[in-house]
């Protein structure tokens, strides 16, 4: 006689079982003392332990690596914050320095424009010609006019 089980068709085992109750036959409660061969190789789903649980958010990291992973992520976020903050502060100082340099150049430009306007005035040109170059104003009677005919 064959019996249909999860592992396939097997022949029933005969003999007596030894346990607390002494000698009992196989047919007294209908429970086989030996599990089917297929169940020996498979791990039951209810027997999963906490360390074997995989987290969908973290990926394939096990539960033991949560804390170090979270601490590493917090450290990276803090480091990025510090880098950005120091970059902003440095940029602020650069802006102040460049504004001061711009103000200096604008002042220098205004001074050069004033110098150019002074040197283009006729009174300054006359004073330079008479003072530094030793030129004299012509006498109005010493002027001769020349007519050119064509």
N, C-alpha and C. Protein backbone atom coordinates (compact mmCIF):
# COMPACT_ATOMS: atom_id res chain seq x y z
N UNK A 1 0.83 -1.17 0.00
CA UNK A 1 0.00 0.00 0.00
C UNK A 1 0.89 1.25 0.00
N UNK A 2 0.57 2.25 -0.85
CA UNK A 2 1.34 3.47 -0.96
C UNK A 2 0.55 4.62 -0.38
N UNK A 3 1.28 5.62 0.14
CA UNK A 3 0.66 6.80 0.74
C UNK A 3 1.13 8.02 -0.04
N UNK A 4 0.19 8.92 -0.36
CA UNK A 4 0.53 10.16 -1.07
C UNK A 4 0.91 11.23 -0.04
N UNK A 5 2.12 11.77 -0.13
CA UNK A 5 2.59 12.81 0.80
C UNK A 5 3.05 14.02 -0.03
N UNK A 6 3.51 15.08 0.68
CA UNK A 6 4.03 16.26 -0.01
C UNK A 6 5.29 15.92 -0.80
N UNK A 7 6.07 15.00 -0.33
CA UNK A 7 7.31 14.64 -0.99
C UNK A 7 7.09 13.66 -2.13
N UNK A 8 5.95 13.15 -2.27
CA UNK A 8 5.68 12.17 -3.33
C UNK A 8 4.96 10.97 -2.75
N UNK A 9 4.99 9.85 -3.46
CA UNK A 9 4.35 8.63 -3.00
C UNK A 9 5.38 7.81 -2.25
N UNK A 10 5.07 7.43 -1.00
CA UNK A 10 5.99 6.62 -0.19
C UNK A 10 5.21 5.45 0.40
N UNK A 11 5.96 4.49 0.86
CA UNK A 11 5.33 3.37 1.55
C UNK A 11 5.29 3.69 3.03
N UNK A 12 4.22 3.33 3.71
CA UNK A 12 4.14 3.62 5.14
C UNK A 12 5.18 2.83 5.91
N UNK A 13 5.69 3.43 6.96
CA UNK A 13 6.67 2.76 7.81
C UNK A 13 5.92 1.98 8.87
N UNK A 14 6.45 0.88 9.17
CA UNK A 14 5.82 0.05 10.19
C UNK A 14 6.76 -0.10 11.34
N UNK A 15 6.27 -0.50 12.44
CA UNK A 15 7.11 -0.70 13.60
C UNK A 15 6.53 0.04 14.77
N UNK A 16 7.19 -0.02 15.88
CA UNK A 16 6.71 0.65 17.07
C UNK A 16 7.52 1.90 17.31
N UNK A 17 6.88 2.85 17.91
CA UNK A 17 7.54 4.10 18.25
C UNK A 17 7.88 4.09 19.73
N UNK A 18 9.03 4.54 20.05
CA UNK A 18 9.41 4.61 21.45
C UNK A 18 9.36 6.06 21.88
N UNK A 19 8.77 6.34 22.99
CA UNK A 19 8.67 7.69 23.50
C UNK A 19 8.17 7.64 24.92
N UNK A 20 7.52 8.71 25.38
CA UNK A 20 7.05 8.77 26.76
C UNK A 20 5.99 7.72 27.04
N UNK A 21 5.21 7.46 26.05
CA UNK A 21 4.09 6.54 26.28
C UNK A 21 4.46 5.09 26.16
N UNK A 22 5.73 4.77 25.96
CA UNK A 22 6.13 3.37 25.82
C UNK A 22 5.94 2.93 24.39
N UNK A 23 5.52 1.71 24.22
CA UNK A 23 5.35 1.18 22.87
C UNK A 23 3.96 1.51 22.37
N UNK A 24 3.94 2.21 21.23
CA UNK A 24 2.66 2.51 20.60
C UNK A 24 2.78 2.15 19.13
N UNK A 25 1.73 1.86 18.57
CA UNK A 25 1.72 1.56 17.15
C UNK A 25 1.61 2.86 16.35
N UNK A 26 1.93 2.73 15.11
CA UNK A 26 1.92 3.89 14.24
C UNK A 26 0.51 4.42 14.05
N UNK A 27 -0.47 3.60 14.10
CA UNK A 27 -1.80 4.00 13.73
C UNK A 27 -2.62 4.54 14.90
N UNK A 28 -2.02 4.75 16.07
CA UNK A 28 -2.87 5.18 17.18
C UNK A 28 -3.24 6.66 17.10
N UNK A 29 -2.39 7.57 16.55
CA UNK A 29 -2.81 8.98 16.41
C UNK A 29 -2.66 9.49 14.98
N UNK A 30 -2.14 8.76 14.08
CA UNK A 30 -2.06 9.14 12.67
C UNK A 30 -0.94 10.10 12.34
N UNK A 31 -0.04 10.39 13.27
CA UNK A 31 1.07 11.31 13.02
C UNK A 31 2.31 10.48 12.75
N UNK A 32 2.95 10.74 11.66
CA UNK A 32 4.17 10.03 11.30
C UNK A 32 5.33 10.59 12.11
N UNK A 33 6.20 9.76 12.66
CA UNK A 33 7.33 10.26 13.44
C UNK A 33 8.40 10.89 12.56
N UNK A 34 8.41 10.61 11.28
CA UNK A 34 9.43 11.12 10.38
C UNK A 34 8.79 12.12 9.42
N UNK A 35 9.37 13.32 9.29
CA UNK A 35 8.80 14.26 8.32
C UNK A 35 9.09 13.80 6.91
N UNK A 36 8.30 14.25 5.94
CA UNK A 36 8.58 13.85 4.56
C UNK A 36 9.97 14.35 4.15
N UNK A 37 10.61 13.68 3.24
CA UNK A 37 11.98 14.04 2.85
C UNK A 37 12.09 15.46 2.32
N UNK A 38 11.08 15.96 1.67
CA UNK A 38 11.13 17.31 1.11
C UNK A 38 11.19 18.37 2.20
N UNK A 39 10.54 18.17 3.31
CA UNK A 39 10.54 19.14 4.40
C UNK A 39 11.88 19.20 5.11
N UNK A 40 12.69 18.16 5.02
CA UNK A 40 14.00 18.18 5.65
C UNK A 40 14.93 19.18 4.97
N UNK A 41 14.78 19.39 3.68
CA UNK A 41 15.68 20.28 2.96
C UNK A 41 15.17 21.71 2.93
N UNK A 42 13.88 21.93 3.10
CA UNK A 42 13.33 23.28 3.05
C UNK A 42 13.25 23.86 4.44
N UNK A 43 13.50 25.14 4.52
CA UNK A 43 13.38 25.84 5.79
C UNK A 43 11.97 26.43 5.87
N UNK A 44 11.25 26.20 6.94
CA UNK A 44 9.89 26.75 7.03
C UNK A 44 9.93 28.27 7.06
N UNK A 45 8.93 28.90 6.46
CA UNK A 45 8.90 30.36 6.36
C UNK A 45 8.69 31.01 7.72
N UNK A 46 8.03 30.34 8.63
CA UNK A 46 7.75 30.92 9.94
C UNK A 46 8.99 30.93 10.82
N UNK A 47 10.03 30.22 10.43
CA UNK A 47 11.22 30.12 11.27
C UNK A 47 12.26 31.18 10.94
N UNK A 48 11.91 32.23 10.18
CA UNK A 48 12.87 33.30 9.89
C UNK A 48 13.25 34.04 11.17
N UNK A 49 14.50 34.35 11.28
CA UNK A 49 14.96 35.07 12.45
C UNK A 49 15.13 36.54 12.10
N UNK A 50 15.27 37.40 13.11
CA UNK A 50 15.37 38.85 12.92
C UNK A 50 16.57 39.22 12.08
N UNK A 51 17.67 38.55 12.25
CA UNK A 51 18.87 38.93 11.51
C UNK A 51 18.77 38.58 10.03
N UNK A 52 17.84 37.74 9.68
CA UNK A 52 17.68 37.37 8.28
C UNK A 52 16.71 38.28 7.53
N UNK A 53 16.03 39.14 8.23
CA UNK A 53 15.04 40.01 7.60
C UNK A 53 15.77 41.08 6.79
N UNK A 54 15.38 41.26 5.56
CA UNK A 54 15.96 42.29 4.70
C UNK A 54 15.00 43.47 4.65
N UNK A 55 15.56 44.67 4.68
CA UNK A 55 14.73 45.86 4.68
C UNK A 55 14.57 46.38 3.26
N UNK A 56 13.35 46.69 2.83
CA UNK A 56 13.19 47.16 1.46
C UNK A 56 13.77 48.55 1.25
N UNK A 57 13.79 49.41 2.28
CA UNK A 57 14.28 50.78 2.12
C UNK A 57 15.79 50.79 2.02
N UNK A 58 16.46 50.07 2.86
CA UNK A 58 17.91 50.11 2.93
C UNK A 58 18.53 49.18 1.90
N UNK A 59 17.74 48.31 1.32
CA UNK A 59 18.27 47.41 0.31
C UNK A 59 18.64 46.09 0.92
N UNK A 60 19.85 45.63 0.64
CA UNK A 60 20.25 44.31 1.09
C UNK A 60 20.99 44.33 2.43
N UNK A 61 21.02 45.47 3.10
CA UNK A 61 21.70 45.53 4.39
C UNK A 61 20.87 44.79 5.43
N UNK A 62 21.51 44.09 6.29
CA UNK A 62 20.77 43.40 7.34
C UNK A 62 20.47 44.37 8.47
N UNK A 63 19.63 43.94 9.38
CA UNK A 63 19.17 44.81 10.46
C UNK A 63 20.33 45.24 11.36
N UNK A 64 21.40 44.49 11.42
CA UNK A 64 22.54 44.87 12.25
C UNK A 64 23.27 46.09 11.71
N UNK A 65 23.12 46.38 10.45
CA UNK A 65 23.85 47.50 9.85
C UNK A 65 23.03 48.77 9.78
N UNK A 66 21.83 48.78 10.33
CA UNK A 66 21.00 50.00 10.32
C UNK A 66 21.68 51.16 11.01
N UNK A 67 22.07 50.96 12.24
CA UNK A 67 22.64 52.05 13.03
C UNK A 67 23.89 52.64 12.39
N UNK A 68 24.88 51.83 12.01
CA UNK A 68 26.05 52.43 11.35
C UNK A 68 25.69 53.13 10.04
N UNK A 69 24.74 52.59 9.31
CA UNK A 69 24.33 53.21 8.05
C UNK A 69 23.66 54.56 8.31
N UNK A 70 22.80 54.61 9.29
CA UNK A 70 22.12 55.87 9.63
C UNK A 70 23.13 56.89 10.15
N UNK A 71 24.08 56.46 10.98
CA UNK A 71 25.10 57.37 11.48
C UNK A 71 26.00 57.89 10.35
N UNK A 72 26.34 57.01 9.42
CA UNK A 72 27.16 57.44 8.29
C UNK A 72 26.40 58.44 7.42
N UNK A 73 25.11 58.19 7.20
CA UNK A 73 24.31 59.13 6.41
C UNK A 73 24.21 60.48 7.12
N UNK A 74 24.00 60.47 8.44
CA UNK A 74 23.92 61.73 9.20
C UNK A 74 25.26 62.47 9.14
N UNK A 75 26.36 61.73 9.22
CA UNK A 75 27.68 62.34 9.14
C UNK A 75 27.90 62.99 7.76
N UNK A 76 27.48 62.31 6.71
CA UNK A 76 27.63 62.88 5.37
C UNK A 76 26.78 64.12 5.19
N UNK A 77 25.55 64.11 5.73
CA UNK A 77 24.69 65.29 5.63
C UNK A 77 25.32 66.46 6.39
N UNK A 78 25.83 66.20 7.60
CA UNK A 78 26.47 67.25 8.39
C UNK A 78 27.71 67.79 7.67
N UNK A 79 28.49 66.92 7.08
CA UNK A 79 29.68 67.34 6.35
C UNK A 79 29.31 68.20 5.15
N UNK A 80 28.28 67.80 4.40
CA UNK A 80 27.84 68.61 3.26
C UNK A 80 27.35 69.98 3.74
N UNK A 81 26.64 70.02 4.86
CA UNK A 81 26.16 71.30 5.41
C UNK A 81 27.33 72.22 5.76
N UNK A 82 28.35 71.65 6.42
CA UNK A 82 29.52 72.45 6.80
C UNK A 82 30.28 72.96 5.57
N UNK A 83 30.42 72.13 4.58
CA UNK A 83 31.13 72.54 3.36
C UNK A 83 30.38 73.67 2.67
N UNK A 84 29.06 73.54 2.58
CA UNK A 84 28.27 74.59 1.93
C UNK A 84 28.29 75.88 2.74
N UNK A 85 28.20 75.77 4.06
CA UNK A 85 28.21 76.96 4.91
C UNK A 85 29.55 77.69 4.81
N UNK A 86 30.65 76.94 4.84
CA UNK A 86 31.96 77.59 4.72
C UNK A 86 32.14 78.19 3.33
N UNK A 87 31.60 77.53 2.31
CA UNK A 87 31.67 78.09 0.96
C UNK A 87 30.90 79.40 0.85
N UNK A 88 29.74 79.46 1.49
CA UNK A 88 28.94 80.69 1.47
C UNK A 88 29.67 81.81 2.21
N UNK A 89 30.27 81.48 3.36
CA UNK A 89 31.01 82.50 4.12
C UNK A 89 32.20 83.01 3.31
N UNK A 90 32.92 82.11 2.67
CA UNK A 90 34.06 82.51 1.85
C UNK A 90 33.61 83.39 0.69
N UNK A 91 32.51 83.04 0.08
CA UNK A 91 31.98 83.85 -1.03
C UNK A 91 31.58 85.24 -0.54
N UNK A 92 31.00 85.32 0.67
CA UNK A 92 30.65 86.62 1.23
C UNK A 92 31.87 87.51 1.44
N UNK A 93 32.95 86.91 1.96
CA UNK A 93 34.19 87.68 2.15
C UNK A 93 34.78 88.12 0.81
N UNK A 94 34.72 87.25 -0.18
CA UNK A 94 35.21 87.60 -1.52
C UNK A 94 34.41 88.76 -2.11
N UNK A 95 33.10 88.74 -1.91
CA UNK A 95 32.25 89.82 -2.42
C UNK A 95 32.62 91.14 -1.77
N UNK A 96 32.82 91.14 -0.44
CA UNK A 96 33.20 92.37 0.25
C UNK A 96 34.54 92.90 -0.24
N UNK A 97 35.51 92.02 -0.43
CA UNK A 97 36.83 92.42 -0.90
C UNK A 97 36.74 93.01 -2.31
N UNK A 98 35.96 92.37 -3.17
CA UNK A 98 35.83 92.86 -4.55
C UNK A 98 35.06 94.19 -4.60
N UNK A 99 34.09 94.39 -3.71
CA UNK A 99 33.39 95.67 -3.67
C UNK A 99 34.32 96.79 -3.23
N UNK A 100 35.18 96.52 -2.25
CA UNK A 100 36.15 97.53 -1.82
C UNK A 100 37.13 97.84 -2.96
N UNK A 101 37.56 96.82 -3.68
CA UNK A 101 38.48 97.02 -4.80
C UNK A 101 37.79 97.82 -5.91
N UNK A 102 36.51 97.53 -6.18
CA UNK A 102 35.75 98.29 -7.17
C UNK A 102 35.65 99.76 -6.77
N UNK A 103 35.39 100.04 -5.48
CA UNK A 103 35.30 101.42 -5.01
C UNK A 103 36.63 102.15 -5.20
N UNK A 104 37.76 101.45 -4.93
CA UNK A 104 39.07 102.06 -5.15
C UNK A 104 39.29 102.40 -6.62
N UNK A 105 38.92 101.50 -7.52
CA UNK A 105 39.09 101.76 -8.95
C UNK A 105 38.18 102.89 -9.43
N UNK A 106 36.96 102.98 -8.89
CA UNK A 106 36.07 104.08 -9.27
C UNK A 106 36.64 105.42 -8.82
N UNK A 107 37.23 105.46 -7.61
CA UNK A 107 37.86 106.69 -7.14
C UNK A 107 39.05 107.06 -8.02
N UNK A 108 39.86 106.09 -8.39
CA UNK A 108 41.01 106.34 -9.27
C UNK A 108 40.54 106.84 -10.64
N UNK A 109 39.44 106.27 -11.15
CA UNK A 109 38.90 106.69 -12.44
C UNK A 109 38.42 108.14 -12.39
N UNK A 110 37.75 108.51 -11.29
CA UNK A 110 37.30 109.90 -11.14
C UNK A 110 38.47 110.86 -11.07
N UNK A 111 39.56 110.47 -10.39
CA UNK A 111 40.75 111.31 -10.31
C UNK A 111 41.38 111.50 -11.69
N UNK A 112 41.41 110.43 -12.48
CA UNK A 112 41.98 110.54 -13.83
C UNK A 112 41.11 111.40 -14.74
N UNK A 113 39.78 111.31 -14.59
CA UNK A 113 38.90 112.16 -15.38
C UNK A 113 39.09 113.64 -15.02
N UNK A 114 39.29 113.93 -13.72
CA UNK A 114 39.54 115.30 -13.30
C UNK A 114 40.88 115.80 -13.86
N UNK A 115 41.90 114.96 -13.83
CA UNK A 115 43.21 115.32 -14.39
C UNK A 115 43.11 115.59 -15.89
N UNK A 116 42.35 114.75 -16.61
CA UNK A 116 42.18 114.94 -18.04
C UNK A 116 41.45 116.24 -18.35
N UNK A 117 40.41 116.54 -17.60
CA UNK A 117 39.66 117.79 -17.82
C UNK A 117 40.55 119.00 -17.54
N UNK A 118 41.40 118.91 -16.52
CA UNK A 118 42.31 120.01 -16.19
C UNK A 118 43.31 120.25 -17.31
N UNK A 119 43.87 119.18 -17.86
CA UNK A 119 44.90 119.32 -18.90
C UNK A 119 44.31 119.75 -20.23
N UNK A 120 43.01 119.59 -20.42
CA UNK A 120 42.40 120.03 -21.67
C UNK A 120 41.96 121.49 -21.63
N UNK A 121 42.02 122.11 -20.47
CA UNK A 121 41.60 123.52 -20.39
C UNK A 121 42.67 124.43 -21.01
N UNK A 122 42.24 125.51 -21.66
CA UNK A 122 43.16 126.43 -22.34
C UNK A 122 44.03 127.20 -21.35
N UNK A 123 43.55 127.51 -20.20
CA UNK A 123 44.36 128.25 -19.23
C UNK A 123 45.53 127.40 -18.73
N UNK A 124 45.30 126.13 -18.53
CA UNK A 124 46.39 125.25 -18.08
C UNK A 124 47.42 125.11 -19.19
N UNK A 125 46.97 124.98 -20.43
CA UNK A 125 47.91 124.85 -21.56
C UNK A 125 48.75 126.12 -21.68
N UNK A 126 48.15 127.29 -21.54
CA UNK A 126 48.89 128.56 -21.64
C UNK A 126 49.89 128.69 -20.49
N UNK A 127 49.49 128.32 -19.30
CA UNK A 127 50.41 128.43 -18.16
C UNK A 127 51.58 127.46 -18.31
N UNK A 128 51.36 126.28 -18.83
CA UNK A 128 52.44 125.32 -19.07
C UNK A 128 53.38 125.83 -20.17
N UNK A 129 52.81 126.42 -21.21
CA UNK A 129 53.64 126.91 -22.32
C UNK A 129 54.52 128.06 -21.88
N UNK A 130 53.97 128.96 -21.11
CA UNK A 130 54.77 130.11 -20.69
C UNK A 130 55.69 129.76 -19.53
N UNK A 131 55.23 128.93 -18.62
CA UNK A 131 56.03 128.65 -17.43
C UNK A 131 57.10 127.59 -17.68
N UNK A 132 56.73 126.43 -18.13
CA UNK A 132 57.67 125.32 -18.26
C UNK A 132 58.46 125.38 -19.56
N UNK A 133 57.81 125.75 -20.65
CA UNK A 133 58.48 125.73 -21.94
C UNK A 133 59.14 127.08 -22.30
N UNK A 134 58.85 128.14 -21.54
CA UNK A 134 59.49 129.44 -21.79
C UNK A 134 58.93 130.15 -23.01
N UNK A 135 57.76 129.86 -23.46
CA UNK A 135 57.16 130.54 -24.61
C UNK A 135 56.57 131.88 -24.15
N UNK A 136 56.43 132.80 -25.10
CA UNK A 136 55.87 134.12 -24.80
C UNK A 136 54.69 134.37 -25.72
N UNK A 137 53.82 135.24 -25.29
CA UNK A 137 52.67 135.61 -26.13
C UNK A 137 53.19 136.54 -27.25
N UNK A 138 52.66 136.34 -28.44
CA UNK A 138 53.14 137.22 -29.53
C UNK A 138 52.59 138.65 -29.36
N UNK A 139 53.35 139.56 -29.85
CA UNK A 139 52.92 140.97 -29.84
C UNK A 139 51.87 141.14 -30.94
N UNK A 140 50.77 141.82 -30.68
CA UNK A 140 49.72 141.92 -31.70
C UNK A 140 50.20 142.66 -32.95
N UNK A 141 51.18 143.50 -32.87
CA UNK A 141 51.66 144.24 -34.04
C UNK A 141 52.64 143.41 -34.84
N UNK A 142 53.19 142.40 -34.27
CA UNK A 142 54.17 141.57 -34.96
C UNK A 142 53.50 140.46 -35.77
N UNK A 143 52.23 140.50 -35.87
CA UNK A 143 51.52 139.44 -36.61
C UNK A 143 51.47 139.85 -38.07
N UNK A 144 51.83 138.95 -38.96
CA UNK A 144 51.78 139.20 -40.40
C UNK A 144 50.82 138.21 -41.00
N UNK A 145 49.94 138.71 -41.85
CA UNK A 145 48.99 137.88 -42.52
C UNK A 145 49.47 137.61 -43.94
N UNK A 146 49.38 136.42 -44.41
CA UNK A 146 49.83 136.04 -45.75
C UNK A 146 48.61 135.60 -46.54
N UNK A 147 48.51 136.17 -47.76
CA UNK A 147 47.41 135.76 -48.63
C UNK A 147 47.97 134.80 -49.64
N UNK A 148 47.25 133.77 -49.82
CA UNK A 148 47.66 132.74 -50.80
C UNK A 148 46.68 132.81 -51.95
N UNK A 149 47.19 132.92 -53.16
CA UNK A 149 46.31 132.96 -54.32
C UNK A 149 46.36 131.60 -55.01
N UNK A 150 45.32 131.32 -55.56
CA UNK A 150 45.25 130.03 -56.25
C UNK A 150 45.16 130.18 -57.70
